[in-house]
Amino acid sequence: MAPNLADPLLGPLYDLYVAALGDTAAWALGHLTLLAIVALVVWVLKNRHDVITNLDLRPRTVGGALMFVGSFVAFTLVCNRLFGFPLGGSVVTSLSSVLFVLWCYRWLEGARA
């Protein structure tokens, strides 16, 4: 069989393919996955301007997303480690709290000039 580039590059995903489909089908699907990833990266690079414009990638929106993710992770860790919640309860509590704060900020904050 040809060299297997998908095994070291895909790691556990390739192992999942092997367990589900067998060696030959996993080899083909693994290389198809790598080809799809390369095609997606090339497409994004060719259409960089459209991707940035349509995803609204500005410093304010990217910063807001990073703040949302950071607050979620921090609040999950506080609930889990400090308060002793189980991980599932920590995730549900922090997600609902962060979404509530985000909703309050978006809808209850006055309009910006």
PDB file of N, CA and C in Angstrom:
ATOM      1  N   MET A   1       0.845  -1.176   0.000  1.00  0.00           N
ATOM      2  CA  MET A   1       0.000   0.000   0.000  1.00  0.00           C
ATOM      3  C   MET A   1       0.890   1.238   0.000  1.00  0.00           C
ATOM      4  N   ALA A   2       0.372   2.320  -0.464  1.00  0.00           N
ATOM      5  CA  ALA A   2       1.106   3.587  -0.548  1.00  0.00           C
ATOM      6  C   ALA A   2       1.402   4.113   0.856  1.00  0.00           C
ATOM      7  N   PRO A   3       2.353   5.048   0.947  1.00  0.00           N
ATOM      8  CA  PRO A   3       2.660   5.615   2.267  1.00  0.00           C
ATOM      9  C   PRO A   3       1.433   6.281   2.889  1.00  0.00           C
ATOM     10  N   ASN A   4       1.352   6.177   4.189  1.00  0.00           N
ATOM     11  CA  ASN A   4       0.182   6.686   4.898  1.00  0.00           C
ATOM     12  C   ASN A   4       0.523   8.012   5.563  1.00  0.00           C
ATOM     13  N   LEU A   5       0.195   9.108   4.898  1.00  0.00           N
ATOM     14  CA  LEU A   5       0.433  10.436   5.464  1.00  0.00           C
ATOM     15  C   LEU A   5      -0.654  10.834   6.450  1.00  0.00           C
ATOM     16  N   ALA A   6      -1.814  10.235   6.331  1.00  0.00           N
ATOM     17  CA  ALA A   6      -2.951  10.640   7.156  1.00  0.00           C
ATOM     18  C   ALA A   6      -2.793  10.206   8.611  1.00  0.00           C
ATOM     19  N   ASP A   7      -2.133   9.075   8.850  1.00  0.00           N
ATOM     20  CA  ASP A   7      -2.020   8.572  10.219  1.00  0.00           C
ATOM     21  C   ASP A   7      -1.292   9.549  11.143  1.00  0.00           C
ATOM     22  N   PRO A   8      -0.095  10.034  10.805  1.00  0.00           N
ATOM     23  CA  PRO A   8       0.551  10.973  11.736  1.00  0.00           C
ATOM     24  C   PRO A   8      -0.087  12.361  11.750  1.00  0.00           C
ATOM     25  N   LEU A   9      -0.697  12.781  10.637  1.00  0.00           N
ATOM     26  CA  LEU A   9      -1.255  14.131  10.576  1.00  0.00           C
ATOM     27  C   LEU A   9      -2.626  14.241  11.236  1.00  0.00           C
ATOM     28  N   LEU A  10      -3.434  13.213  11.132  1.00  0.00           N
ATOM     29  CA  LEU A  10      -4.780  13.263  11.707  1.00  0.00           C
ATOM     30  C   LEU A  10      -4.850  12.699  13.121  1.00  0.00           C
ATOM     31  N   GLY A  11      -3.887  11.880  13.492  1.00  0.00           N
ATOM     32  CA  GLY A  11      -3.799  11.367  14.859  1.00  0.00           C
ATOM     33  C   GLY A  11      -5.018  10.560  15.274  1.00  0.00           C
ATOM     34  N   PRO A  12      -5.686  10.971  16.364  1.00  0.00           N
ATOM     35  CA  PRO A  12      -6.822  10.193  16.882  1.00  0.00           C
ATOM     36  C   PRO A  12      -7.995  10.087  15.905  1.00  0.00           C
ATOM     37  N   LEU A  13      -8.159  11.067  15.036  1.00  0.00           N
ATOM     38  CA  LEU A  13      -9.232  10.979  14.049  1.00  0.00           C
ATOM     39  C   LEU A  13      -8.983   9.808  13.104  1.00  0.00           C
ATOM     40  N   TYR A  14      -7.723   9.604  12.714  1.00  0.00           N
ATOM     41  CA  TYR A  14      -7.396   8.472  11.850  1.00  0.00           C
ATOM     42  C   TYR A  14      -7.641   7.156  12.584  1.00  0.00           C
ATOM     43  N   ASP A  15      -7.310   7.097  13.869  1.00  0.00           N
ATOM     44  CA  ASP A  15      -7.575   5.886  14.651  1.00  0.00           C
ATOM     45  C   ASP A  15      -9.074   5.590  14.711  1.00  0.00           C
ATOM     46  N   LEU A  16      -9.876   6.634  14.794  1.00  0.00           N
ATOM     47  CA  LEU A  16     -11.326   6.463  14.768  1.00  0.00           C
ATOM     48  C   LEU A  16     -11.779   5.912  13.419  1.00  0.00           C
ATOM     49  N   TYR A  17     -11.196   6.424  12.338  1.00  0.00           N
ATOM     50  CA  TYR A  17     -11.514   5.903  11.006  1.00  0.00           C
ATOM     51  C   TYR A  17     -11.176   4.418  10.909  1.00  0.00           C
ATOM     52  N   VAL A  18     -10.007   4.019  11.422  1.00  0.00           N
ATOM     53  CA  VAL A  18      -9.589   2.615  11.360  1.00  0.00           C
ATOM     54  C   VAL A  18     -10.542   1.741  12.166  1.00  0.00           C
ATOM     55  N   ALA A  19     -10.906   2.188  13.356  1.00  0.00           N
ATOM     56  CA  ALA A  19     -11.796   1.386  14.198  1.00  0.00           C
ATOM     57  C   ALA A  19     -13.178   1.236  13.566  1.00  0.00           C
ATOM     58  N   ALA A  20     -13.632   2.260  12.875  1.00  0.00           N
ATOM     59  CA  ALA A  20     -14.979   2.219  12.310  1.00  0.00           C
ATOM     60  C   ALA A  20     -15.031   1.545  10.947  1.00  0.00           C
ATOM     61  N   LEU A  21     -13.993   1.758  10.124  1.00  0.00           N
ATOM     62  CA  LEU A  21     -14.087   1.353   8.721  1.00  0.00           C
ATOM     63  C   LEU A  21     -13.084   0.296   8.282  1.00  0.00           C
ATOM     64  N   GLY A  22     -12.044   0.071   9.057  1.00  0.00           N
ATOM     65  CA  GLY A  22     -10.995  -0.842   8.634  1.00  0.00           C
ATOM     66  C   GLY A  22      -9.842  -0.071   8.008  1.00  0.00           C
ATOM     67  N   ASP A  23      -8.735  -0.786   7.756  1.00  0.00           N
ATOM     68  CA  ASP A  23      -7.506  -0.131   7.299  1.00  0.00           C
ATOM     69  C   ASP A  23      -7.626   0.511   5.924  1.00  0.00           C
ATOM     70  N   THR A  24      -8.174  -0.191   4.959  1.00  0.00           N
ATOM     71  CA  THR A  24      -8.207   0.330   3.589  1.00  0.00           C
ATOM     72  C   THR A  24      -9.126   1.538   3.461  1.00  0.00           C
ATOM     73  N   ALA A  25     -10.330   1.431   3.985  1.00  0.00           N
ATOM     74  CA  ALA A  25     -11.261   2.558   3.912  1.00  0.00           C
ATOM     75  C   ALA A  25     -10.754   3.737   4.741  1.00  0.00           C
ATOM     76  N   ALA A  26     -10.107   3.460   5.876  1.00  0.00           N
ATOM     77  CA  ALA A  26      -9.557   4.539   6.701  1.00  0.00           C
ATOM     78  C   ALA A  26      -8.431   5.249   5.967  1.00  0.00           C
ATOM     79  N   TRP A  27      -7.618   4.496   5.226  1.00  0.00           N
ATOM     80  CA  TRP A  27      -6.541   5.112   4.446  1.00  0.00           C
ATOM     81  C   TRP A  27      -7.139   6.071   3.416  1.00  0.00           C
ATOM     82  N   ALA A  28      -8.169   5.607   2.693  1.00  0.00           N
ATOM     83  CA  ALA A  28      -8.786   6.450   1.667  1.00  0.00           C
ATOM     84  C   ALA A  28      -9.481   7.661   2.290  1.00  0.00           C
ATOM     85  N   LEU A  29     -10.258   7.452   3.340  1.00  0.00           N
ATOM     86  CA  LEU A  29     -10.971   8.558   3.974  1.00  0.00           C
ATOM     87  C   LEU A  29     -10.013   9.527   4.651  1.00  0.00           C
ATOM     88  N   GLY A  30      -8.932   9.022   5.221  1.00  0.00           N
ATOM     89  CA  GLY A  30      -7.936   9.897   5.837  1.00  0.00           C
ATOM     90  C   GLY A  30      -7.287  10.813   4.823  1.00  0.00           C
ATOM     91  N   HIS A  31      -6.929  10.270   3.665  1.00  0.00           N
ATOM     92  CA  HIS A  31      -6.321  11.105   2.630  1.00  0.00           C
ATOM     93  C   HIS A  31      -7.343  12.051   2.003  1.00  0.00           C
ATOM     94  N   LEU A  32      -8.588  11.620   1.912  1.00  0.00           N
ATOM     95  CA  LEU A  32      -9.643  12.513   1.438  1.00  0.00           C
ATOM     96  C   LEU A  32      -9.851  13.667   2.423  1.00  0.00           C
ATOM     97  N   THR A  33      -9.759  13.388   3.711  1.00  0.00           N
ATOM     98  CA  THR A  33      -9.866  14.436   4.732  1.00  0.00           C
ATOM     99  C   THR A  33      -8.720  15.428   4.599  1.00  0.00           C
ATOM    100  N   LEU A  34      -7.503  14.933   4.410  1.00  0.00           N
ATOM    101  CA  LEU A  34      -6.355  15.832   4.223  1.00  0.00           C
ATOM    102  C   LEU A  34      -6.524  16.689   2.976  1.00  0.00           C
ATOM    103  N   LEU A  35      -7.009  16.091   1.901  1.00  0.00           N
ATOM    104  CA  LEU A  35      -7.237  16.844   0.667  1.00  0.00           C
ATOM    105  C   LEU A  35      -8.302  17.920   0.873  1.00  0.00           C
ATOM    106  N   ALA A  36      -9.348  17.600   1.620  1.00  0.00           N
ATOM    107  CA  ALA A  36     -10.399  18.584   1.902  1.00  0.00           C
ATOM    108  C   ALA A  36      -9.866  19.733   2.749  1.00  0.00           C
ATOM    109  N   ILE A  37      -9.002  19.444   3.718  1.00  0.00           N
ATOM    110  CA  ILE A  37      -8.415  20.501   4.550  1.00  0.00           C
ATOM    111  C   ILE A  37      -7.545  21.417   3.709  1.00  0.00           C
ATOM    112  N   VAL A  38      -6.736  20.837   2.832  1.00  0.00           N
ATOM    113  CA  VAL A  38      -5.879  21.648   1.956  1.00  0.00           C
ATOM    114  C   VAL A  38      -6.732  22.498   1.020  1.00  0.00           C
ATOM    115  N   ALA A  39      -7.790  21.912   0.453  1.00  0.00           N
ATOM    116  CA  ALA A  39      -8.670  22.672  -0.442  1.00  0.00           C
ATOM    117  C   ALA A  39      -9.354  23.813   0.299  1.00  0.00           C
ATOM    118  N   LEU A  40      -9.777  23.590   1.534  1.00  0.00           N
ATOM    119  CA  LEU A  40     -10.413  24.644   2.323  1.00  0.00           C
ATOM    120  C   LEU A  40      -9.437  25.779   2.615  1.00  0.00           C
ATOM    121  N   VAL A  41      -8.210  25.448   2.969  1.00  0.00           N
ATOM    122  CA  VAL A  41      -7.205  26.485   3.247  1.00  0.00           C
ATOM    123  C   VAL A  41      -6.909  27.289   1.992  1.00  0.00           C
ATOM    124  N   VAL A  42      -6.774  26.623   0.849  1.00  0.00           N
ATOM    125  CA  VAL A  42      -6.514  27.330  -0.409  1.00  0.00           C
ATOM    126  C   VAL A  42      -7.687  28.235  -0.760  1.00  0.00           C
ATOM    127  N   TRP A  43      -8.913  27.747  -0.587  1.00  0.00           N
ATOM    128  CA  TRP A  43     -10.086  28.562  -0.892  1.00  0.00           C
ATOM    129  C   TRP A  43     -10.152  29.790   0.003  1.00  0.00           C
ATOM    130  N   VAL A  44      -9.882  29.613   1.295  1.00  0.00           N
ATOM    131  CA  VAL A  44      -9.911  30.752   2.223  1.00  0.00           C
ATOM    132  C   VAL A  44      -8.836  31.764   1.853  1.00  0.00           C
ATOM    133  N   LEU A  45      -7.658  31.298   1.482  1.00  0.00           N
ATOM    134  CA  LEU A  45      -6.593  32.227   1.096  1.00  0.00           C
ATOM    135  C   LEU A  45      -6.932  32.969  -0.192  1.00  0.00           C
ATOM    136  N   LYS A  46      -7.565  32.295  -1.147  1.00  0.00           N
ATOM    137  CA  LYS A  46      -7.938  32.960  -2.393  1.00  0.00           C
ATOM    138  C   LYS A  46      -9.058  33.973  -2.185  1.00  0.00           C
ATOM    139  N   ASN A  47      -9.961  33.698  -1.265  1.00  0.00           N
ATOM    140  CA  ASN A  47     -11.115  34.565  -1.023  1.00  0.00           C
ATOM    141  C   ASN A  47     -11.011  35.263   0.332  1.00  0.00           C
ATOM    142  N   ARG A  48      -9.803  35.637   0.687  1.00  0.00           N
ATOM    143  CA  ARG A  48      -9.533  36.225   1.996  1.00  0.00           C
ATOM    144  C   ARG A  48     -10.393  37.458   2.262  1.00  0.00           C
ATOM    145  N   HIS A  49     -10.498  38.332   1.283  1.00  0.00           N
ATOM    146  CA  HIS A  49     -11.250  39.572   1.481  1.00  0.00           C
ATOM    147  C   HIS A  49     -12.730  39.282   1.741  1.00  0.00           C
ATOM    148  N   ASP A  50     -13.318  38.381   0.965  1.00  0.00           N
ATOM    149  CA  ASP A  50     -14.729  38.034   1.168  1.00  0.00           C
ATOM    150  C   ASP A  50     -14.956  37.380   2.527  1.00  0.00           C
ATOM    151  N   VAL A  51     -14.026  36.527   2.940  1.00  0.00           N
ATOM    152  CA  VAL A  51     -14.164  35.853   4.231  1.00  0.00           C
ATOM    153  C   VAL A  51     -14.106  36.872   5.366  1.00  0.00           C
ATOM    154  N   ILE A  52     -13.156  37.795   5.301  1.00  0.00           N
ATOM    155  CA  ILE A  52     -13.017  38.806   6.354  1.00  0.00           C
ATOM    156  C   ILE A  52     -14.242  39.712   6.388  1.00  0.00           C
ATOM    157  N   THR A  53     -14.726  40.122   5.218  1.00  0.00           N
ATOM    158  CA  THR A  53     -15.881  41.016   5.158  1.00  0.00           C
ATOM    159  C   THR A  53     -17.151  40.322   5.655  1.00  0.00           C
ATOM    160  N   ASN A  54     -17.411  39.120   5.186  1.00  0.00           N
ATOM    161  CA  ASN A  54     -18.662  38.442   5.526  1.00  0.00           C
ATOM    162  C   ASN A  54     -18.686  37.896   6.949  1.00  0.00           C
ATOM    163  N   LEU A  55     -17.524  37.592   7.522  1.00  0.00           N
ATOM    164  CA  LEU A  55     -17.492  37.155   8.914  1.00  0.00           C
ATOM    165  C   LEU A  55     -17.389  38.327   9.876  1.00  0.00           C
ATOM    166  N   ASP A  56     -17.301  39.547   9.339  1.00  0.00           N
ATOM    167  CA  ASP A  56     -17.217  40.767  10.140  1.00  0.00           C
ATOM    168  C   ASP A  56     -16.039  40.700  11.105  1.00  0.00           C
ATOM    169  N   LEU A  57     -14.868  40.366  10.563  1.00  0.00           N
ATOM    170  CA  LEU A  57     -13.665  40.250  11.380  1.00  0.00           C
ATOM    171  C   LEU A  57     -13.026  41.619  11.552  1.00  0.00           C
ATOM    172  N   ARG A  58     -13.478  42.320  12.573  1.00  0.00           N
ATOM    173  CA  ARG A  58     -12.893  43.596  12.956  1.00  0.00           C
ATOM    174  C   ARG A  58     -12.319  43.437  14.351  1.00  0.00           C
ATOM    175  N   PRO A  59     -11.438  44.341  14.759  1.00  0.00           N
ATOM    176  CA  PRO A  59     -10.879  44.206  16.110  1.00  0.00           C
ATOM    177  C   PRO A  59     -11.944  44.156  17.205  1.00  0.00           C
ATOM    178  N   ARG A  60     -13.021  44.910  17.037  1.00  0.00           N
ATOM    179  CA  ARG A  60     -14.062  44.920  18.068  1.00  0.00           C
ATOM    180  C   ARG A  60     -14.803  43.584  18.140  1.00  0.00           C
ATOM    181  N   THR A  61     -15.150  43.004  17.000  1.00  0.00           N
ATOM    182  CA  THR A  61     -15.885  41.740  17.031  1.00  0.00           C
ATOM    183  C   THR A  61     -14.991  40.585  17.475  1.00  0.00           C
ATOM    184  N   VAL A  62     -13.735  40.583  17.017  1.00  0.00           N
ATOM    185  CA  VAL A  62     -12.808  39.530  17.436  1.00  0.00           C
ATOM    186  C   VAL A  62     -12.525  39.657  18.930  1.00  0.00           C
ATOM    187  N   GLY A  63     -12.330  40.890  19.400  1.00  0.00           N
ATOM    188  CA  GLY A  63     -12.109  41.109  20.830  1.00  0.00           C
ATOM    189  C   GLY A  63     -13.302  40.685  21.666  1.00  0.00           C
ATOM    190  N   GLY A  64     -14.506  40.956  21.175  1.00  0.00           N
ATOM    191  CA  GLY A  64     -15.710  40.530  21.884  1.00  0.00           C
ATOM    192  C   GLY A  64     -15.818  39.017  21.966  1.00  0.00           C
ATOM    193  N   ALA A  65     -15.474  38.341  20.875  1.00  0.00           N
ATOM    194  CA  ALA A  65     -15.518  36.880  20.877  1.00  0.00           C
ATOM    195  C   ALA A  65     -14.478  36.306  21.835  1.00  0.00           C
ATOM    196  N   LEU A  66     -13.278  36.884  21.835  1.00  0.00           N
ATOM    197  CA  LEU A  66     -12.242  36.419  22.758  1.00  0.00           C
ATOM    198  C   LEU A  66     -12.645  36.674  24.208  1.00  0.00           C
ATOM    199  N   MET A  67     -13.276  37.799  24.461  1.00  0.00           N
ATOM    200  CA  MET A  67     -13.751  38.106  25.816  1.00  0.00           C
ATOM    201  C   MET A  67     -14.841  37.121  26.239  1.00  0.00           C
ATOM    202  N   PHE A  68     -15.731  36.773  25.324  1.00  0.00           N
ATOM    203  CA  PHE A  68     -16.784  35.805  25.618  1.00  0.00           C
ATOM    204  C   PHE A  68     -16.185  34.443  25.967  1.00  0.00           C
ATOM    205  N   VAL A  69     -15.254  33.969  25.146  1.00  0.00           N
ATOM    206  CA  VAL A  69     -14.636  32.661  25.385  1.00  0.00           C
ATOM    207  C   VAL A  69     -13.818  32.682  26.674  1.00  0.00           C
ATOM    208  N   GLY A  70     -13.057  33.759  26.882  1.00  0.00           N
ATOM    209  CA  GLY A  70     -12.258  33.860  28.102  1.00  0.00           C
ATOM    210  C   GLY A  70     -13.112  33.896  29.354  1.00  0.00           C
ATOM    211  N   SER A  71     -14.216  34.640  29.314  1.00  0.00           N
ATOM    212  CA  SER A  71     -15.126  34.697  30.466  1.00  0.00           C
ATOM    213  C   SER A  71     -15.761  33.335  30.726  1.00  0.00           C
ATOM    214  N   PHE A  72     -16.124  32.645  29.659  1.00  0.00           N
ATOM    215  CA  PHE A  72     -16.718  31.317  29.803  1.00  0.00           C
ATOM    216  C   PHE A  72     -15.738  30.347  30.457  1.00  0.00           C
ATOM    217  N   VAL A  73     -14.497  30.333  29.975  1.00  0.00           N
ATOM    218  CA  VAL A  73     -13.489  29.423  30.535  1.00  0.00           C
ATOM    219  C   VAL A  73     -13.192  29.787  31.987  1.00  0.00           C
ATOM    220  N   ALA A  74     -13.017  31.075  32.266  1.00  0.00           N
ATOM    221  CA  ALA A  74     -12.702  31.503  33.632  1.00  0.00           C
ATOM    222  C   ALA A  74     -13.838  31.158  34.593  1.00  0.00           C
ATOM    223  N   PHE A  75     -15.079  31.426  34.203  1.00  0.00           N
ATOM    224  CA  PHE A  75     -16.209  31.149  35.084  1.00  0.00           C
ATOM    225  C   PHE A  75     -16.416  29.647  35.267  1.00  0.00           C
ATOM    226  N   THR A  76     -16.124  28.862  34.217  1.00  0.00           N
ATOM    227  CA  THR A  76     -16.205  27.412  34.349  1.00  0.00           C
ATOM    228  C   THR A  76     -15.182  26.910  35.353  1.00  0.00           C
ATOM    229  N   LEU A  77     -13.958  27.425  35.282  1.00  0.00           N
ATOM    230  CA  LEU A  77     -12.929  27.015  36.235  1.00  0.00           C
ATOM    231  C   LEU A  77     -13.281  27.436  37.659  1.00  0.00           C
ATOM    232  N   VAL A  78     -13.827  28.630  37.823  1.00  0.00           N
ATOM    233  CA  VAL A  78     -14.231  29.085  39.160  1.00  0.00           C
ATOM    234  C   VAL A  78     -15.323  28.174  39.720  1.00  0.00           C
ATOM    235  N   CYS A  79     -16.325  27.876  38.915  1.00  0.00           N
ATOM    236  CA  CYS A  79     -17.416  27.017  39.388  1.00  0.00           C
ATOM    237  C   CYS A  79     -16.925  25.605  39.698  1.00  0.00           C
ATOM    238  N   ASN A  80     -16.023  25.093  38.873  1.00  0.00           N
ATOM    239  CA  ASN A  80     -15.564  23.726  39.028  1.00  0.00           C
ATOM    240  C   ASN A  80     -14.581  23.587  40.184  1.00  0.00           C
ATOM    241  N   ARG A  81     -13.560  24.417  40.208  1.00  0.00           N
ATOM    242  CA  ARG A  81     -12.497  24.240  41.193  1.00  0.00           C
ATOM    243  C   ARG A  81     -12.779  24.935  42.520  1.00  0.00           C
ATOM    244  N   LEU A  82     -13.313  26.140  42.470  1.00  0.00           N
ATOM    245  CA  LEU A  82     -13.526  26.893  43.703  1.00  0.00           C
ATOM    246  C   LEU A  82     -14.822  26.478  44.402  1.00  0.00           C
ATOM    247  N   PHE A  83     -15.901  26.362  43.631  1.00  0.00           N
ATOM    248  CA  PHE A  83     -17.191  26.031  44.228  1.00  0.00           C
ATOM    249  C   PHE A  83     -17.455  24.530  44.287  1.00  0.00           C
ATOM    250  N   GLY A  84     -16.674  23.725  43.578  1.00  0.00           N
ATOM    251  CA  GLY A  84     -16.816  22.276  43.629  1.00  0.00           C
ATOM    252  C   GLY A  84     -17.959  21.709  42.805  1.00  0.00           C
ATOM    253  N   PHE A  85     -18.448  22.469  41.809  1.00  0.00           N
ATOM    254  CA  PHE A  85     -19.491  21.936  40.933  1.00  0.00           C
ATOM    255  C   PHE A  85     -18.895  20.824  40.073  1.00  0.00           C
ATOM    256  N   PRO A  86     -19.699  19.847  39.654  1.00  0.00           N
ATOM    257  CA  PRO A  86     -19.214  18.905  38.639  1.00  0.00           C
ATOM    258  C   PRO A  86     -19.018  19.646  37.315  1.00  0.00           C
ATOM    259  N   LEU A  87     -18.230  19.060  36.425  1.00  0.00           N
ATOM    260  CA  LEU A  87     -17.877  19.752  35.183  1.00  0.00           C
ATOM    261  C   LEU A  87     -19.113  20.099  34.356  1.00  0.00           C
ATOM    262  N   GLY A  88     -20.050  19.182  34.251  1.00  0.00           N
ATOM    263  CA  GLY A  88     -21.268  19.464  33.484  1.00  0.00           C
ATOM    264  C   GLY A  88     -22.054  20.625  34.059  1.00  0.00           C
ATOM    265  N   GLY A  89     -22.200  20.648  35.378  1.00  0.00           N
ATOM    266  CA  GLY A  89     -22.891  21.755  36.022  1.00  0.00           C
ATOM    267  C   GLY A  89     -22.147  23.067  35.874  1.00  0.00           C
ATOM    268  N   SER A  90     -20.812  22.998  35.900  1.00  0.00           N
ATOM    269  CA  SER A  90     -20.006  24.209  35.720  1.00  0.00           C
ATOM    270  C   SER A  90     -20.189  24.788  34.330  1.00  0.00           C
ATOM    271  N   VAL A  91     -20.202  23.920  33.334  1.00  0.00           N
ATOM    272  CA  VAL A  91     -20.354  24.380  31.951  1.00  0.00           C
ATOM    273  C   VAL A  91     -21.738  24.997  31.744  1.00  0.00           C
ATOM    274  N   VAL A  92     -22.774  24.335  32.246  1.00  0.00           N
ATOM    275  CA  VAL A  92     -24.135  24.862  32.082  1.00  0.00           C
ATOM    276  C   VAL A  92     -24.295  26.190  32.813  1.00  0.00           C
ATOM    277  N   THR A  93     -23.779  26.263  34.034  1.00  0.00           N
ATOM    278  CA  THR A  93     -23.894  27.496  34.816  1.00  0.00           C
ATOM    279  C   THR A  93     -23.133  28.636  34.165  1.00  0.00           C
ATOM    280  N   SER A  94     -21.897  28.375  33.747  1.00  0.00           N
ATOM    281  CA  SER A  94     -21.094  29.446  33.153  1.00  0.00           C
ATOM    282  C   SER A  94     -21.636  29.857  31.789  1.00  0.00           C
ATOM    283  N   LEU A  95     -22.110  28.907  30.995  1.00  0.00           N
ATOM    284  CA  LEU A  95     -22.656  29.262  29.686  1.00  0.00           C
ATOM    285  C   LEU A  95     -23.911  30.115  29.834  1.00  0.00           C
ATOM    286  N   SER A  96     -24.800  29.722  30.729  1.00  0.00           N
ATOM    287  CA  SER A  96     -26.015  30.522  30.902  1.00  0.00           C
ATOM    288  C   SER A  96     -25.691  31.898  31.474  1.00  0.00           C
ATOM    289  N   SER A  97     -24.741  31.980  32.374  1.00  0.00           N
ATOM    290  CA  SER A  97     -24.377  33.277  32.958  1.00  0.00           C
ATOM    291  C   SER A  97     -23.721  34.193  31.936  1.00  0.00           C
ATOM    292  N   VAL A  98     -22.803  33.650  31.160  1.00  0.00           N
ATOM    293  CA  VAL A  98     -22.106  34.471  30.165  1.00  0.00           C
ATOM    294  C   VAL A  98     -23.062  34.892  29.055  1.00  0.00           C
ATOM    295  N   LEU A  99     -23.962  34.008  28.646  1.00  0.00           N
ATOM    296  CA  LEU A  99     -24.949  34.393  27.637  1.00  0.00           C
ATOM    297  C   LEU A  99     -25.894  35.469  28.164  1.00  0.00           C
ATOM    298  N   PHE A 100     -26.250  35.412  29.445  1.00  0.00           N
ATOM    299  CA  PHE A 100     -27.096  36.448  30.031  1.00  0.00           C
ATOM    300  C   PHE A 100     -26.377  37.796  30.044  1.00  0.00           C
ATOM    301  N   VAL A 101     -25.113  37.796  30.439  1.00  0.00           N
ATOM    302  CA  VAL A 101     -24.341  39.049  30.451  1.00  0.00           C
ATOM    303  C   VAL A 101     -24.189  39.585  29.032  1.00  0.00           C
ATOM    304  N   LEU A 102     -23.947  38.702  28.064  1.00  0.00           N
ATOM    305  CA  LEU A 102     -23.836  39.127  26.671  1.00  0.00           C
ATOM    306  C   LEU A 102     -25.160  39.722  26.187  1.00  0.00           C
ATOM    307  N   TRP A 103     -26.265  39.087  26.534  1.00  0.00           N
ATOM    308  CA  TRP A 103     -27.571  39.619  26.151  1.00  0.00           C
ATOM    309  C   TRP A 103     -27.797  40.988  26.777  1.00  0.00           C
ATOM    310  N   CYS A 104     -27.482  41.130  28.052  1.00  0.00           N
ATOM    311  CA  CYS A 104     -27.648  42.433  28.724  1.00  0.00           C
ATOM    312  C   CYS A 104     -26.803  43.501  28.050  1.00  0.00           C
ATOM    313  N   TYR A 105     -25.584  43.159  27.694  1.00  0.00           N
ATOM    314  CA  TYR A 105     -24.695  44.134  27.066  1.00  0.00           C
ATOM    315  C   TYR A 105     -25.216  44.539  25.690  1.00  0.00           C
ATOM    316  N   ARG A 106     -25.662  43.550  24.912  1.00  0.00           N
ATOM    317  CA  ARG A 106     -26.110  43.839  23.547  1.00  0.00           C
ATOM    318  C   ARG A 106     -27.423  44.603  23.504  1.00  0.00           C
ATOM    319  N   TRP A 107     -28.394  44.244  24.355  1.00  0.00           N
ATOM    320  CA  TRP A 107     -29.740  44.783  24.229  1.00  0.00           C
ATOM    321  C   TRP A 107     -30.083  45.871  25.230  1.00  0.00           C
ATOM    322  N   LEU A 108     -29.443  45.872  26.383  1.00  0.00           N
ATOM    323  CA  LEU A 108     -29.786  46.862  27.395  1.00  0.00           C
ATOM    324  C   LEU A 108     -28.821  48.043  27.413  1.00  0.00           C
ATOM    325  N   GLU A 109     -27.682  47.897  26.763  1.00  0.00           N
ATOM    326  CA  GLU A 109     -26.711  48.992  26.677  1.00  0.00           C
ATOM    327  C   GLU A 109     -27.243  50.037  25.700  1.00  0.00           C
ATOM    328  N   GLY A 110     -27.030  51.294  26.011  1.00  0.00           N
ATOM    329  CA  GLY A 110     -27.474  52.355  25.115  1.00  0.00           C
ATOM    330  C   GLY A 110     -26.737  52.327  23.788  1.00  0.00           C
ATOM    331  N   ALA A 111     -27.311  52.963  22.796  1.00  0.00           N
ATOM    332  CA  ALA A 111     -26.701  53.007  21.466  1.00  0.00           C
ATOM    333  C   ALA A 111     -25.410  53.814  21.513  1.00  0.00           C
ATOM    334  N   ARG A 112     -24.429  53.356  20.760  1.00  0.00           N
ATOM    335  CA  ARG A 112     -23.149  54.054  20.700  1.00  0.00           C
ATOM    336  C   ARG A 112     -23.223  55.171  19.672  1.00  0.00           C
ATOM    337  N   ALA A 113     -22.478  56.231  19.929  1.00  0.00           N
ATOM    338  CA  ALA A 113     -22.477  57.389  19.023  1.00  0.00           C
ATOM    339  C   ALA A 113     -21.658  57.101  17.790  1.00  0.00           C
TER     340      ALA A 113
END
